[in-house]
Protein backbone atom coordinates (compact mmCIF):
# COMPACT_ATOMS: atom_id res chain seq x y z
CA MET A 1 -3.97 -5.61 0.30
CA ALA A 2 -4.26 -5.14 -3.14
CA ARG A 3 -7.14 -2.20 -2.82
CA ALA A 4 -5.08 -0.24 -0.94
CA SER A 5 -1.84 -0.92 -2.91
CA ASP A 6 -1.99 2.75 -4.63
CA PRO A 7 -1.96 5.12 -2.72
CA ILE A 8 1.00 2.86 -1.31
CA ASP A 9 2.65 2.69 -4.22
CA ARG A 10 2.29 7.10 -4.82
CA PHE A 11 3.76 7.95 -1.75
CA GLY A 12 6.02 5.66 -3.05
CA ARG A 13 7.03 7.66 -5.65
CA PHE A 14 6.36 10.79 -4.12
CA LEU A 15 9.01 9.83 -1.58
CA ALA A 16 11.34 8.16 -4.24
CA GLN A 17 11.07 11.41 -6.27
CA SER A 18 11.75 14.11 -2.71
CA GLU A 19 15.16 12.30 -2.67
CA HIS A 20 14.15 9.80 0.42
CA SER A 21 17.00 6.80 0.63
CA PRO A 22 15.54 4.00 -0.51
CA LEU A 23 15.28 2.20 3.08
CA THR A 24 13.13 5.30 4.29
CA VAL A 25 11.22 4.74 1.18
CA LYS A 26 10.76 1.06 2.43
CA ASN A 27 9.96 0.99 5.24
CA TYR A 28 7.50 3.77 4.67
CA ARG A 29 5.60 1.49 2.40
CA GLY A 30 6.00 -1.87 5.29
CA ASP A 31 4.04 0.35 7.77
CA LEU A 32 1.58 1.54 5.47
CA GLU A 33 1.58 -1.55 4.27
CA ALA A 34 0.46 -2.69 8.00
CA PHE A 35 -2.14 -0.12 8.73
CA ALA A 36 -3.36 -0.83 5.85
CA ALA A 37 -3.92 -4.08 6.08
CA TRP A 38 -4.79 -3.03 10.27
CA PHE A 39 -7.61 -1.14 8.93
CA GLU A 40 -9.32 -3.40 6.78
CA GLN A 41 -9.19 -6.05 9.73
CA VAL A 42 -10.64 -3.90 12.32
CA ASN A 43 -13.32 -2.15 10.01
CA GLY A 44 -14.01 -5.05 6.78
CA GLU A 45 -13.19 -2.01 4.34
CA ALA A 46 -10.07 -1.58 2.08
CA MET A 47 -8.17 1.50 3.59
CA SER A 48 -8.16 5.08 1.55
CA PRO A 49 -6.81 8.49 2.64
CA SER A 50 -9.87 9.69 3.08
CA LYS A 51 -10.99 6.87 5.13
CA VAL A 52 -8.46 7.38 8.42
CA THR A 53 -9.67 8.97 11.19
CA PRO A 54 -7.40 10.20 14.29
CA THR A 55 -9.35 7.28 16.08
CA ASP A 56 -7.94 4.72 13.78
CA LEU A 57 -4.44 5.54 14.13
CA ARG A 58 -5.18 6.15 18.26
CA GLN A 59 -6.00 2.58 17.89
CA PHE A 60 -3.78 1.04 15.63
CA LYS A 61 -0.90 2.89 17.70
CA ARG A 62 -2.18 1.04 20.92
CA PRO A 63 0.32 -1.57 21.82
CA GLY A 64 -1.14 -5.70 20.23
CA ASN A 65 -2.69 -3.80 17.51
CA ARG A 66 -0.43 -2.93 15.35
CA GLY A 67 0.02 -7.00 14.11
CA HIS A 68 4.02 -7.50 15.23
CA SER A 69 5.34 -5.87 18.19
CA ALA A 70 8.52 -3.78 17.04
CA PHE A 71 6.52 -1.51 15.45
CA ALA A 72 7.38 1.10 18.72
CA ARG A 73 7.50 4.66 16.57
CA PRO A 74 4.07 6.76 15.88
CA PRO A 75 2.45 5.99 12.18
CA TYR A 76 3.60 9.96 10.07
CA THR A 77 3.21 7.94 7.84
CA VAL A 78 -0.13 7.52 7.08
CA ILE A 79 -0.09 11.13 8.38
CA SER A 80 2.22 12.07 5.77
CA GLN A 81 0.25 9.04 2.82
CA SER A 82 -2.82 11.17 3.62
CA ARG A 83 -1.14 14.90 2.97
CA ALA A 84 0.35 13.71 -0.32
CA ASP A 85 -2.59 13.08 -2.29
C-alpha cells in the first residue's frame, strides 16, 4: 500500500487540521487503507482517488469484499477523501 499512502496521508493531515479527533483520523485512515488494499487486489493497480469509480464503491460495500466483516459502515471516507484532493 505504500503507493497509495500519499493520498491517505494527505487526507489524514486534512482531517487533523480540520480539528477532527485523533481517533476519527485513525479510523478514517484505517478505512482508507483497507479500501486501498482491496482496490489494488481487485484492480491490479494502486488506488488513487481519480481511479475510484462508483462501481468500486458498490463492490467494496458488499459483505465479504472488505477483508474483514467488522467494516459495516459505508465507505464515506473514500468519498470524502476524493473531495479533499
